[in-house]
C-alpha atoms as a PDB file:
ATOM      1  CA  UNK A   1      65.318 291.145  82.425  1.00  0.00           C
ATOM      2  CA  UNK A   2      67.017 294.236  81.088  1.00  0.00           C
ATOM      3  CA  UNK A   3      66.334 294.964  77.422  1.00  0.00           C
ATOM      4  CA  UNK A   4      69.271 295.495  75.099  1.00  0.00           C
ATOM      5  CA  UNK A   5      68.770 298.903  73.467  1.00  0.00           C
ATOM      6  CA  UNK A   6      70.318 299.063  70.059  1.00  0.00           C
ATOM      7  CA  UNK A   7      70.797 302.208  68.000  1.00  0.00           C
ATOM      8  CA  UNK A   8      68.592 302.672  64.967  1.00  0.00           C
ATOM      9  CA  UNK A   9      71.520 301.800  62.642  1.00  0.00           C
ATOM     10  CA  UNK A  10      74.730 300.058  63.525  1.00  0.00           C
ATOM     11  CA  UNK A  11      77.789 301.504  61.808  1.00  0.00           C
ATOM     12  CA  UNK A  12      81.288 300.342  61.129  1.00  0.00           C
ATOM     13  CA  UNK A  13      82.545 302.927  63.521  1.00  0.00           C
ATOM     14  CA  UNK A  14      80.499 301.541  66.460  1.00  0.00           C
ATOM     15  CA  UNK A  15      81.974 298.057  65.833  1.00  0.00           C
ATOM     16  CA  UNK A  16      85.492 299.471  65.526  1.00  0.00           C
ATOM     17  CA  UNK A  17      85.124 301.495  68.752  1.00  0.00           C
ATOM     18  CA  UNK A  18      83.817 298.500  70.675  1.00  0.00           C
ATOM     19  CA  UNK A  19      86.721 296.277  69.637  1.00  0.00           C
ATOM     20  CA  UNK A  20      89.440 298.943  69.529  1.00  0.00           C
ATOM     21  CA  UNK A  21      90.332 298.449  65.853  1.00  0.00           C
ATOM     22  CA  UNK A  22      90.089 300.675  62.792  1.00  0.00           C
ATOM     23  CA  UNK A  23      87.025 300.908  60.531  1.00  0.00           C
ATOM     24  CA  UNK A  24      89.180 299.636  57.655  1.00  0.00           C
ATOM     25  CA  UNK A  25      89.885 296.477  59.670  1.00  0.00           C
ATOM     26  CA  UNK A  26      86.171 296.052  60.384  1.00  0.00           C
ATOM     27  CA  UNK A  27      85.278 296.479  56.682  1.00  0.00           C
ATOM     28  CA  UNK A  28      87.874 293.922  55.648  1.00  0.00           C
ATOM     29  CA  UNK A  29      86.822 291.510  58.304  1.00  0.00           C
ATOM     30  CA  UNK A  30      83.170 291.641  57.347  1.00  0.00           C
ATOM     31  CA  UNK A  31      84.253 290.726  53.818  1.00  0.00           C
ATOM     32  CA  UNK A  32      86.329 287.781  55.167  1.00  0.00           C
ATOM     33  CA  UNK A  33      89.495 289.345  53.803  1.00  0.00           C
ATOM     34  CA  UNK A  34      92.620 287.269  54.333  1.00  0.00           C
ATOM     35  CA  UNK A  35      94.399 290.487  55.194  1.00  0.00           C
ATOM     36  CA  UNK A  36      92.822 290.296  58.626  1.00  0.00           C
ATOM     37  CA  UNK A  37      93.903 287.779  61.196  1.00  0.00           C
ATOM     38  CA  UNK A  38      91.367 284.965  61.656  1.00  0.00           C
ATOM     39  CA  UNK A  39      90.804 285.733  65.374  1.00  0.00           C
ATOM     40  CA  UNK A  40      90.066 289.353  64.544  1.00  0.00           C
ATOM     41  CA  UNK A  41      87.697 288.367  61.737  1.00  0.00           C
ATOM     42  CA  UNK A  42      85.750 286.113  64.056  1.00  0.00           C
ATOM     43  CA  UNK A  43      85.422 288.851  66.732  1.00  0.00           C
ATOM     44  CA  UNK A  44      84.294 291.433  64.234  1.00  0.00           C
ATOM     45  CA  UNK A  45      81.783 289.101  62.579  1.00  0.00           C
ATOM     46  CA  UNK A  46      80.438 287.863  65.884  1.00  0.00           C
ATOM     47  CA  UNK A  47      79.911 291.401  67.244  1.00  0.00           C
ATOM     48  CA  UNK A  48      78.314 292.468  63.958  1.00  0.00           C
ATOM     49  CA  UNK A  49      75.800 289.585  64.201  1.00  0.00           C
ATOM     50  CA  UNK A  50      75.005 290.349  67.801  1.00  0.00           C
ATOM     51  CA  UNK A  51      74.459 294.035  67.064  1.00  0.00           C
ATOM     52  CA  UNK A  52      72.392 293.322  63.974  1.00  0.00           C
ATOM     53  CA  UNK A  53      74.770 295.064  61.556  1.00  0.00           C
ATOM     54  CA  UNK A  54      73.491 295.124  57.943  1.00  0.00           C
ATOM     55  CA  UNK A  55      76.035 295.510  55.154  1.00  0.00           C
ATOM     56  CA  UNK A  56      75.235 298.562  53.055  1.00  0.00           C
ATOM     57  CA  UNK A  57      76.119 297.233  49.629  1.00  0.00           C
ATOM     58  CA  UNK A  58      74.938 300.398  47.806  1.00  0.00           C
ATOM     59  CA  UNK A  59      77.239 302.659  49.893  1.00  0.00           C
ATOM     60  CA  UNK A  60      80.145 300.257  49.407  1.00  0.00           C
ATOM     61  CA  UNK A  61      79.536 300.297  45.649  1.00  0.00           C
ATOM     62  CA  UNK A  62      79.727 304.077  45.602  1.00  0.00           C
ATOM     63  CA  UNK A  63      83.011 303.971  47.489  1.00  0.00           C
ATOM     64  CA  UNK A  64      84.693 301.234  45.421  1.00  0.00           C
ATOM     65  CA  UNK A  65      82.964 301.474  42.074  1.00  0.00           C
ATOM     66  CA  UNK A  66      82.282 297.724  42.439  1.00  0.00           C
ATOM     67  CA  UNK A  67      79.117 295.886  43.344  1.00  0.00           C
ATOM     68  CA  UNK A  68      80.721 292.399  43.848  1.00  0.00           C
ATOM     69  CA  UNK A  69      78.030 291.007  41.543  1.00  0.00           C
ATOM     70  CA  UNK A  70      78.577 289.052  38.323  1.00  0.00           C
ATOM     71  CA  UNK A  71      75.554 288.876  36.105  1.00  0.00           C
ATOM     72  CA  UNK A  72      74.825 285.535  34.365  1.00  0.00           C
ATOM     73  CA  UNK A  73      72.501 285.284  31.380  1.00  0.00           C
ATOM     74  CA  UNK A  74      71.386 281.888  30.129  1.00  0.00           C
ATOM     75  CA  UNK A  75      68.987 280.857  27.393  1.00  0.00           C
ATOM     76  CA  UNK A  76      67.484 277.733  29.049  1.00  0.00           C
ATOM     77  CA  UNK A  77      67.235 277.354  32.765  1.00  0.00           C
ATOM     78  CA  UNK A  78      65.292 274.110  32.496  1.00  0.00           C
ATOM     79  CA  UNK A  79      68.179 272.206  30.766  1.00  0.00           C
ATOM     80  CA  UNK A  80      70.300 270.477  33.406  1.00  0.00           C
ATOM     81  CA  UNK A  81      73.392 271.306  31.388  1.00  0.00           C
ATOM     82  CA  UNK A  82      72.933 274.973  32.298  1.00  0.00           C
ATOM     83  CA  UNK A  83      72.098 274.034  35.844  1.00  0.00           C
ATOM     84  CA  UNK A  84      75.512 272.334  36.092  1.00  0.00           C
ATOM     85  CA  UNK A  85      77.231 275.406  34.584  1.00  0.00           C
ATOM     86  CA  UNK A  86      75.441 277.718  37.019  1.00  0.00           C
ATOM     87  CA  UNK A  87      76.392 275.541  39.968  1.00  0.00           C
ATOM     88  CA  UNK A  88      80.047 275.759  38.959  1.00  0.00           C
ATOM     89  CA  UNK A  89      79.754 279.574  38.410  1.00  0.00           C
ATOM     90  CA  UNK A  90      78.166 280.098  41.847  1.00  0.00           C
ATOM     91  CA  UNK A  91      80.756 277.934  43.568  1.00  0.00           C
ATOM     92  CA  UNK A  92      83.711 279.672  41.906  1.00  0.00           C
ATOM     93  CA  UNK A  93      82.357 283.196  42.482  1.00  0.00           C
ATOM     94  CA  UNK A  94      81.586 282.473  46.148  1.00  0.00           C
ATOM     95  CA  UNK A  95      85.316 281.959  46.631  1.00  0.00           C
ATOM     96  CA  UNK A  96      85.932 285.445  45.310  1.00  0.00           C
ATOM     97  CA  UNK A  97      83.223 287.048  47.401  1.00  0.00           C
ATOM     98  CA  UNK A  98      80.879 287.777  44.433  1.00  0.00           C
ATOM     99  CA  UNK A  99      77.203 287.155  44.210  1.00  0.00           C
ATOM    100  CA  UNK A 100      75.450 285.849  41.114  1.00  0.00           C
ATOM    101  CA  UNK A 101      72.799 287.982  39.465  1.00  0.00           C
ATOM    102  CA  UNK A 102      70.789 285.625  37.188  1.00  0.00           C
ATOM    103  CA  UNK A 103      68.777 286.500  34.117  1.00  0.00           C
ATOM    104  CA  UNK A 104      67.005 284.021  31.675  1.00  0.00           C
ATOM    105  CA  UNK A 105      65.516 284.609  28.284  1.00  0.00           C
ATOM    106  CA  UNK A 106      64.121 281.302  26.871  1.00  0.00           C
ATOM    107  CA  UNK A 107      66.149 281.479  23.692  1.00  0.00           C
ATOM    108  CA  UNK A 108      64.360 284.640  22.614  1.00  0.00           C
ATOM    109  CA  UNK A 109      66.768 287.270  21.178  1.00  0.00           C
ATOM    110  CA  UNK A 110      64.416 290.213  21.840  1.00  0.00           C
ATOM    111  CA  UNK A 111      63.901 289.066  25.449  1.00  0.00           C
ATOM    112  CA  UNK A 112      67.640 288.545  25.814  1.00  0.00           C
ATOM    113  CA  UNK A 113      68.287 292.216  24.971  1.00  0.00           C
ATOM    114  CA  UNK A 114      65.675 293.363  27.509  1.00  0.00           C
ATOM    115  CA  UNK A 115      67.048 291.099  30.201  1.00  0.00           C
ATOM    116  CA  UNK A 116      70.704 292.227  29.569  1.00  0.00           C
ATOM    117  CA  UNK A 117      69.495 295.808  29.697  1.00  0.00           C
ATOM    118  CA  UNK A 118      67.910 295.163  33.127  1.00  0.00           C
ATOM    119  CA  UNK A 119      71.013 293.388  34.398  1.00  0.00           C
ATOM    120  CA  UNK A 120      73.138 296.266  33.229  1.00  0.00           C
ATOM    121  CA  UNK A 121      71.205 298.662  35.406  1.00  0.00           C
ATOM    122  CA  UNK A 122      72.478 296.785  38.514  1.00  0.00           C
ATOM    123  CA  UNK A 123      76.035 297.731  37.469  1.00  0.00           C
ATOM    124  CA  UNK A 124      77.556 294.241  37.842  1.00  0.00           C
ATOM    125  CA  UNK A 125      81.320 293.951  37.817  1.00  0.00           C
ATOM    126  CA  UNK A 126      81.047 291.633  34.794  1.00  0.00           C
ATOM    127  CA  UNK A 127      78.729 289.339  32.804  1.00  0.00           C
ATOM    128  CA  UNK A 128      78.793 285.761  31.622  1.00  0.00           C
ATOM    129  CA  UNK A 129      76.363 285.257  28.790  1.00  0.00           C
ATOM    130  CA  UNK A 130      75.110 282.295  26.767  1.00  0.00           C
ATOM    131  CA  UNK A 131      73.510 283.983  23.690  1.00  0.00           C
ATOM    132  CA  UNK A 132      70.018 283.129  22.626  1.00  0.00           C
ATOM    133  CA  UNK A 133      69.368 281.264  19.404  1.00  0.00           C
ATOM    134  CA  UNK A 134      69.436 283.890  16.628  1.00  0.00           C
ATOM    135  CA  UNK A 135      70.886 286.677  18.790  1.00  0.00           C
ATOM    136  CA  UNK A 136      73.055 289.201  16.973  1.00  0.00           C
ATOM    137  CA  UNK A 137      75.996 291.357  17.855  1.00  0.00           C
ATOM    138  CA  UNK A 138      74.334 294.706  18.673  1.00  0.00           C
ATOM    139  CA  UNK A 139      72.710 293.468  21.858  1.00  0.00           C
ATOM    140  CA  UNK A 140      76.032 292.409  23.392  1.00  0.00           C
ATOM    141  CA  UNK A 141      77.834 295.434  21.987  1.00  0.00           C
ATOM    142  CA  UNK A 142      75.390 297.719  23.773  1.00  0.00           C
ATOM    143  CA  UNK A 143      76.233 296.133  27.094  1.00  0.00           C
ATOM    144  CA  UNK A 144      79.998 296.057  26.384  1.00  0.00           C
ATOM    145  CA  UNK A 145      79.914 299.771  25.473  1.00  0.00           C
ATOM    146  CA  UNK A 146      78.783 300.530  28.999  1.00  0.00           C
ATOM    147  CA  UNK A 147      82.123 299.253  30.269  1.00  0.00           C
ATOM    148  CA  UNK A 148      80.894 295.997  31.715  1.00  0.00           C
ATOM    149  CA  UNK A 149      83.222 293.063  30.841  1.00  0.00           C
ATOM    150  CA  UNK A 150      81.460 290.164  29.057  1.00  0.00           C
ATOM    151  CA  UNK A 151      82.428 286.607  28.597  1.00  0.00           C
ATOM    152  CA  UNK A 152      80.402 284.459  26.239  1.00  0.00           C
ATOM    153  CA  UNK A 153      79.960 280.819  27.316  1.00  0.00           C
ATOM    154  CA  UNK A 154      78.952 277.695  25.310  1.00  0.00           C
ATOM    155  CA  UNK A 155      77.527 279.654  22.406  1.00  0.00           C
ATOM    156  CA  UNK A 156      79.408 282.416  20.554  1.00  0.00           C
ATOM    157  CA  UNK A 157      78.373 285.459  18.473  1.00  0.00           C
ATOM    158  CA  UNK A 158      81.303 285.942  16.149  1.00  0.00           C
ATOM    159  CA  UNK A 159      82.836 289.326  15.425  1.00  0.00           C
ATOM    160  CA  UNK A 160      81.908 291.089  18.682  1.00  0.00           C
ATOM    161  CA  UNK A 161      85.422 291.047  20.040  1.00  0.00           C
ATOM    162  CA  UNK A 162      84.452 289.420  23.333  1.00  0.00           C
ATOM    163  CA  UNK A 163      85.991 286.568  25.310  1.00  0.00           C
ATOM    164  CA  UNK A 164      84.534 283.109  24.707  1.00  0.00           C
ATOM    165  CA  UNK A 165      84.703 279.940  26.775  1.00  0.00           C
ATOM    166  CA  UNK A 166      83.240 276.781  25.230  1.00  0.00           C
ATOM    167  CA  UNK A 167      83.768 273.215  24.174  1.00  0.00           C
ATOM    168  CA  UNK A 168      85.062 272.101  20.765  1.00  0.00           C
ATOM    169  CA  UNK A 169      81.751 271.472  18.901  1.00  0.00           C
ATOM    170  CA  UNK A 170      83.447 270.070  15.794  1.00  0.00           C
ATOM    171  CA  UNK A 171      85.603 267.685  17.821  1.00  0.00           C
ATOM    172  CA  UNK A 172      82.479 266.574  19.800  1.00  0.00           C
ATOM    173  CA  UNK A 173      80.753 265.738  16.528  1.00  0.00           C
ATOM    174  CA  UNK A 174      83.662 263.841  15.096  1.00  0.00           C
ATOM    175  CA  UNK A 175      84.366 261.720  18.224  1.00  0.00           C
ATOM    176  CA  UNK A 176      80.678 260.717  18.355  1.00  0.00           C
ATOM    177  CA  UNK A 177      80.584 259.860  14.645  1.00  0.00           C
ATOM    178  CA  UNK A 178      83.933 258.007  14.779  1.00  0.00           C
ATOM    179  CA  UNK A 179      82.501 255.879  17.638  1.00  0.00           C
ATOM    180  CA  UNK A 180      79.438 254.906  15.561  1.00  0.00           C
ATOM    181  CA  UNK A 181      81.594 254.295  12.432  1.00  0.00           C
ATOM    182  CA  UNK A 182      83.839 251.889  14.442  1.00  0.00           C
ATOM    183  CA  UNK A 183      80.724 249.986  15.423  1.00  0.00           C
ATOM    184  CA  UNK A 184      79.817 249.419  11.748  1.00  0.00           C
ATOM    185  CA  UNK A 185      77.240 252.176  11.294  1.00  0.00           C
ATOM    186  CA  UNK A 186      77.301 253.900   7.876  1.00  0.00           C
ATOM    187  CA  UNK A 187      73.920 255.600   7.683  1.00  0.00           C
ATOM    188  CA  UNK A 188      74.030 257.992  10.588  1.00  0.00           C
ATOM    189  CA  UNK A 189      71.584 260.867  11.310  1.00  0.00           C
ATOM    190  CA  UNK A 190      72.241 264.198  13.048  1.00  0.00           C
ATOM    191  CA  UNK A 191      69.336 265.498  15.226  1.00  0.00           C
ATOM    192  CA  UNK A 192      68.899 268.917  16.689  1.00  0.00           C
ATOM    193  CA  UNK A 193      70.398 272.399  16.681  1.00  0.00           C
ATOM    194  CA  UNK A 194      69.991 275.336  14.327  1.00  0.00           C
ATOM    195  CA  UNK A 195      72.441 277.058  12.044  1.00  0.00           C
ATOM    196  CA  UNK A 196      71.441 280.362  13.724  1.00  0.00           C
ATOM    197  CA  UNK A 197      73.379 279.390  16.841  1.00  0.00           C
ATOM    198  CA  UNK A 198      77.114 278.584  16.904  1.00  0.00           C
ATOM    199  CA  UNK A 199      76.759 275.143  18.492  1.00  0.00           C
ATOM    200  CA  UNK A 200      74.217 273.968  15.812  1.00  0.00           C
ATOM    201  CA  UNK A 201      76.197 275.487  12.916  1.00  0.00           C
ATOM    202  CA  UNK A 202      79.508 274.082  14.063  1.00  0.00           C
ATOM    203  CA  UNK A 203      78.136 270.577  14.545  1.00  0.00           C
ATOM    204  CA  UNK A 204      76.190 270.532  11.280  1.00  0.00           C
ATOM    205  CA  UNK A 205      79.307 271.596   9.375  1.00  0.00           C
ATOM    206  CA  UNK A 206      81.405 269.002  11.155  1.00  0.00           C
ATOM    207  CA  UNK A 207      78.836 266.318  10.371  1.00  0.00           C
ATOM    208  CA  UNK A 208      78.857 267.148   6.670  1.00  0.00           C
ATOM    209  CA  UNK A 209      82.714 267.386   6.577  1.00  0.00           C
ATOM    210  CA  UNK A 210      82.967 264.025   8.346  1.00  0.00           C
ATOM    211  CA  UNK A 211      80.689 262.305   5.805  1.00  0.00           C
ATOM    212  CA  UNK A 212      82.814 263.695   3.041  1.00  0.00           C
ATOM    213  CA  UNK A 213      85.999 262.506   4.691  1.00  0.00           C
ATOM    214  CA  UNK A 214      84.650 259.018   5.076  1.00  0.00           C
ATOM    215  CA  UNK A 215      83.307 258.884   1.521  1.00  0.00           C
ATOM    216  CA  UNK A 216      79.738 258.483   2.689  1.00  0.00           C
ATOM    217  CA  UNK A 217      76.785 260.023   0.884  1.00  0.00           C
ATOM    218  CA  UNK A 218      75.396 263.199   2.474  1.00  0.00           C
ATOM    219  CA  UNK A 219      71.634 262.807   2.652  1.00  0.00           C
ATOM    220  CA  UNK A 220      69.802 266.046   3.568  1.00  0.00           C
ATOM    221  CA  UNK A 221      66.988 263.915   4.992  1.00  0.00           C
ATOM    222  CA  UNK A 222      69.356 262.649   7.769  1.00  0.00           C
ATOM    223  CA  UNK A 223      70.128 266.145   9.060  1.00  0.00           C
ATOM    224  CA  UNK A 224      67.164 267.170  11.179  1.00  0.00           C
ATOM    225  CA  UNK A 225      67.621 270.674  12.724  1.00  0.00           C
ATOM    226  CA  UNK A 226      65.485 271.359  15.792  1.00  0.00           C
ATOM    227  CA  UNK A 227      65.195 272.596  19.346  1.00  0.00           C
ATOM    228  CA  UNK A 228      67.389 270.853  21.940  1.00  0.00           C
ATOM    229  CA  UNK A 229      64.523 269.210  23.755  1.00  0.00           C
ATOM    230  CA  UNK A 230      63.102 265.779  24.543  1.00  0.00           C
ATOM    231  CA  UNK A 231      59.970 266.512  22.491  1.00  0.00           C
ATOM    232  CA  UNK A 232      62.097 267.421  19.396  1.00  0.00           C
ATOM    233  CA  UNK A 233      64.104 264.239  19.773  1.00  0.00           C
ATOM    234  CA  UNK A 234      60.955 262.155  20.066  1.00  0.00           C
ATOM    235  CA  UNK A 235      59.454 263.630  16.940  1.00  0.00           C
ATOM    236  CA  UNK A 236      62.657 263.398  14.918  1.00  0.00           C
ATOM    237  CA  UNK A 237      63.218 259.676  15.479  1.00  0.00           C
ATOM    238  CA  UNK A 238      59.666 259.052  14.227  1.00  0.00           C
ATOM    239  CA  UNK A 239      60.613 260.894  11.033  1.00  0.00           C
ATOM    240  CA  UNK A 240      63.744 258.885  10.597  1.00  0.00           C
ATOM    241  CA  UNK A 241      62.148 255.517  11.275  1.00  0.00           C
ATOM    242  CA  UNK A 242      59.439 256.187   8.727  1.00  0.00           C
ATOM    243  CA  UNK A 243      61.966 256.556   5.993  1.00  0.00           C
ATOM    244  CA  UNK A 244      62.126 253.825   3.289  1.00  0.00           C
ATOM    245  CA  UNK A 245      65.787 253.295   4.267  1.00  0.00           C
ATOM    246  CA  UNK A 246      66.117 254.497   7.870  1.00  0.00           C
ATOM    247  CA  UNK A 247      69.491 255.150   9.540  1.00  0.00           C
ATOM    248  CA  UNK A 248      70.866 252.763  12.110  1.00  0.00           C
ATOM    249  CA  UNK A 249      72.203 255.461  14.440  1.00  0.00           C
ATOM    250  CA  UNK A 250      72.137 259.155  15.274  1.00  0.00           C
ATOM    251  CA  UNK A 251      74.134 261.759  17.087  1.00  0.00           C
ATOM    252  CA  UNK A 252      72.128 264.451  18.994  1.00  0.00           C
ATOM    253  CA  UNK A 253      72.709 268.132  19.750  1.00  0.00           C
ATOM    254  CA  UNK A 254      72.415 267.431  23.477  1.00  0.00           C
ATOM    255  CA  UNK A 255      71.432 264.770  25.993  1.00  0.00           C
ATOM    256  CA  UNK A 256      67.862 266.035  26.306  1.00  0.00           C
ATOM    257  CA  UNK A 257      67.343 265.427  22.604  1.00  0.00           C
ATOM    258  CA  UNK A 258      68.862 261.944  22.968  1.00  0.00           C
ATOM    259  CA  UNK A 259      66.557 261.125  25.843  1.00  0.00           C
ATOM    260  CA  UNK A 260      63.598 261.992  23.563  1.00  0.00           C
ATOM    261  CA  UNK A 261      65.078 259.806  20.830  1.00  0.00           C
ATOM    262  CA  UNK A 262      65.369 256.877  23.230  1.00  0.00           C
ATOM    263  CA  UNK A 263      61.709 257.330  24.386  1.00  0.00           C
ATOM    264  CA  UNK A 264      60.712 257.534  20.748  1.00  0.00           C
ATOM    265  CA  UNK A 265      62.452 254.306  19.887  1.00  0.00           C
ATOM    266  CA  UNK A 266      60.720 252.440  22.692  1.00  0.00           C
ATOM    267  CA  UNK A 267      57.434 253.940  21.514  1.00  0.00           C
ATOM    268  CA  UNK A 268      58.079 252.046  18.259  1.00  0.00           C
ATOM    269  CA  UNK A 269      59.119 248.754  20.031  1.00  0.00           C
ATOM    270  CA  UNK A 270      62.891 249.329  19.462  1.00  0.00           C
ATOM    271  CA  UNK A 271      65.638 249.109  22.053  1.00  0.00           C
ATOM    272  CA  UNK A 272      68.389 251.762  22.131  1.00  0.00           C
ATOM    273  CA  UNK A 273      71.787 250.179  21.715  1.00  0.00           C
ATOM    274  CA  UNK A 274      70.464 246.991  20.199  1.00  0.00           C
ATOM    275  CA  UNK A 275      68.146 248.067  17.386  1.00  0.00           C
ATOM    276  CA  UNK A 276      69.372 251.688  16.981  1.00  0.00           C
ATOM    277  CA  UNK A 277      72.339 253.539  18.451  1.00  0.00           C
ATOM    278  CA  UNK A 278      72.058 256.892  20.076  1.00  0.00           C
ATOM    279  CA  UNK A 279      74.836 259.377  21.107  1.00  0.00           C
ATOM    280  CA  UNK A 280      74.030 262.487  23.152  1.00  0.00           C
ATOM    281  CA  UNK A 281      76.110 265.495  24.097  1.00  0.00           C
ATOM    282  CA  UNK A 282      76.962 267.083  27.461  1.00  0.00           C
ATOM    283  CA  UNK A 283      76.923 263.984  29.808  1.00  0.00           C
ATOM    284  CA  UNK A 284      74.445 265.591  32.268  1.00  0.00           C
ATOM    285  CA  UNK A 285      73.976 263.551  35.513  1.00  0.00           C
ATOM    286  CA  UNK A 286      70.778 261.892  34.251  1.00  0.00           C
ATOM    287  CA  UNK A 287      72.632 260.309  31.282  1.00  0.00           C
ATOM    288  CA  UNK A 288      74.149 257.607  33.471  1.00  0.00           C
ATOM    289  CA  UNK A 289      70.820 256.736  35.136  1.00  0.00           C
ATOM    290  CA  UNK A 290      68.989 255.582  31.973  1.00  0.00           C
ATOM    291  CA  UNK A 291      68.722 251.896  31.133  1.00  0.00           C
ATOM    292  CA  UNK A 292      70.631 251.541  28.997  1.00  0.00           C
ATOM    293  CA  UNK A 293      72.948 254.372  30.021  1.00  0.00           C
ATOM    294  CA  UNK A 294      73.344 257.046  27.385  1.00  0.00           C
ATOM    295  CA  UNK A 295      76.536 257.161  25.375  1.00  0.00           C
ATOM    296  CA  UNK A 296      77.411 260.847  25.132  1.00  0.00           C
ATOM    297  CA  UNK A 297      80.121 263.390  24.719  1.00  0.00           C
ATOM    298  CA  UNK A 298      81.182 265.088  27.973  1.00  0.00           C
ATOM    299  CA  UNK A 299      81.608 268.807  27.219  1.00  0.00           C
ATOM    300  CA  UNK A 300      82.906 269.438  30.794  1.00  0.00           C
ATOM    301  CA  UNK A 301      80.351 272.162  31.654  1.00  0.00           C
ATOM    302  CA  UNK A 302      81.714 272.573  35.197  1.00  0.00           C
ATOM    303  CA  UNK A 303      85.090 273.446  33.773  1.00  0.00           C
ATOM    304  CA  UNK A 304      83.371 275.872  31.378  1.00  0.00           C
ATOM    305  CA  UNK A 305      81.702 277.627  34.290  1.00  0.00           C
ATOM    306  CA  UNK A 306      84.979 277.791  36.262  1.00  0.00           C
ATOM    307  CA  UNK A 307      87.002 279.066  33.311  1.00  0.00           C
ATOM    308  CA  UNK A 308      84.354 281.726  32.429  1.00  0.00           C
ATOM    309  CA  UNK A 309      84.451 282.980  36.051  1.00  0.00           C
ATOM    310  CA  UNK A 310      88.273 283.183  35.984  1.00  0.00           C
ATOM    311  CA  UNK A 311      88.206 285.084  32.740  1.00  0.00           C
ATOM    312  CA  UNK A 312      85.527 287.603  33.755  1.00  0.00           C
ATOM    313  CA  UNK A 313      87.367 288.321  37.056  1.00  0.00           C
ATOM    314  CA  UNK A 314      90.570 288.915  35.117  1.00  0.00           C
ATOM    315  CA  UNK A 315      88.584 291.276  32.914  1.00  0.00           C
ATOM    316  CA  UNK A 316      87.388 293.271  35.959  1.00  0.00           C
ATOM    317  CA  UNK A 317      91.049 294.008  36.814  1.00  0.00           C
ATOM    318  CA  UNK A 318      92.412 294.454  33.305  1.00  0.00           C
ATOM    319  CA  UNK A 319      89.596 295.325  30.837  1.00  0.00           C
ATOM    320  CA  UNK A 320      92.140 296.227  28.116  1.00  0.00           C
ATOM    321  CA  UNK A 321      93.284 292.620  27.559  1.00  0.00           C
ATOM    322  CA  UNK A 322      92.757 291.313  23.993  1.00  0.00           C
ATOM    323  CA  UNK A 323      89.759 288.969  23.570  1.00  0.00           C
ATOM    324  CA  UNK A 324      90.544 285.316  24.163  1.00  0.00           C
ATOM    325  CA  UNK A 325      88.881 282.043  23.004  1.00  0.00           C
ATOM    326  CA  UNK A 326      89.197 279.285  25.583  1.00  0.00           C
ATOM    327  CA  UNK A 327      88.217 275.911  24.084  1.00  0.00           C
ATOM    328  CA  UNK A 328      87.925 272.799  26.224  1.00  0.00           C
ATOM    329  CA  UNK A 329      88.358 269.439  24.512  1.00  0.00           C
ATOM    330  CA  UNK A 330      85.355 267.032  24.764  1.00  0.00           C
ATOM    331  CA  UNK A 331      85.515 263.368  26.034  1.00  0.00           C
ATOM    332  CA  UNK A 332      83.489 260.411  24.756  1.00  0.00           C
ATOM    333  CA  UNK A 333      81.666 258.484  27.406  1.00  0.00           C
ATOM    334  CA  UNK A 334      80.530 255.036  26.128  1.00  0.00           C
ATOM    335  CA  UNK A 335      77.465 253.443  27.732  1.00  0.00           C
ATOM    336  CA  UNK A 336      74.800 250.993  26.587  1.00  0.00           C
ATOM    337  CA  UNK A 337      72.890 253.205  24.099  1.00  0.00           C
ATOM    338  CA  UNK A 338      75.323 252.392  21.301  1.00  0.00           C
ATOM    339  CA  UNK A 339      76.103 248.956  19.865  1.00  0.00           C
ATOM    340  CA  UNK A 340      77.082 247.229  16.617  1.00  0.00           C
ATOM    341  CA  UNK A 341      75.082 248.158  13.569  1.00  0.00           C
ATOM    342  CA  UNK A 342      72.254 245.652  12.999  1.00  0.00           C
ATOM    343  CA  UNK A 343      72.885 243.063  10.214  1.00  0.00           C
ATOM    344  CA  UNK A 344      71.282 244.168   6.956  1.00  0.00           C
END
C-alpha cells in the first residue's frame, strides 16, 4: 500500500489551494464561523482533519490580539455551587468559540493574587473572578490595569469599579427568615460566612436588620460566623444545642453548611424538620436528594454564570462601558428540613 506523504507542517494555504478557496475562508471555516456556508465548512474541516492540520493559536493571537480564552478564578472548586457555575460558564463560552482557563486559590487572598498574575500572563480576552475571603482591591486593580476586562461573580470587592454579577444576599436572607417566622420560629440562628467577604457581610447585616424589624431580640450567641463547609455546620449546631435556651431553627450561608447541620442534628438524636428546622442557600443538586430534602434558597448559579459570560464578552468589544451590577433575585425552595416550631 502506498504511504501518504504529508509535509512537515500543514498550512492554511495548502488547504485553500486543495479546495480552491481563499485562506480567509479556510480560517473562518476552521473556527466554525457562520459567515461560511455549512457545506464549505464541512469540506474544510474534513480536509484539515485528514491532513493533520493543527491550529496555531499563538500565531492567531498575534494577528488578532485575541486568544479566545476567558480566565475564570474561583475560591473553592470543591463546592458543587461553583461546579454548577463553571458548567454554565463553559457551556456559554463554547457557543462563542472561547476556551475556559481555570485558576483556583482555596479562599487564600495571597494565593489569589499569584494565580491571577499567572492567568494574566496567558493574555486572556477577559476574566470572571470570585474573590477570595479577605481579598482586597489592589489585586484586582493590578489585573484590570493590564487592560483585561474583569467581571466579579457571587462575591464583590466594593470600590474597584468592576462589573459584578451576583444574587441578592439580603433578599435571600429575608426570604429564608420569613419562611421560618411563618412556621412559628422566633429564636433563629444564622450559621456561616465572614464579614470579610461580601456574601457573609450582606447576610449578617440582613439577619440583624430582620430581627429588628420583627421586634425580636438580637442575641450575638445565635450569629455564628464560619467557613462555608459541612464540618463548620456540624460544629456550629453542637454549639447551639448546648445553649441553655437553644434556637429552634437556623439559616445557613450555603447548602454545604446546612448538610453539616443536618448531620450534627442526627448525631444528637434530632430529626431535621421535626425537632429543628434548617434552611440552606444555593439549592445545589444534592439538596433534593437528602431525606428529608433540604429547604434552601435557590441563587440561580447557572444564570449567574451565563450573565457573567455575557457581560465579559460585551467588555471585550466595548471596554469603556461603565461598570454594571447585575443582581439576580433568589427563590425559596421548600422541602422537608423545615417544619413548625416545636411546642415549648
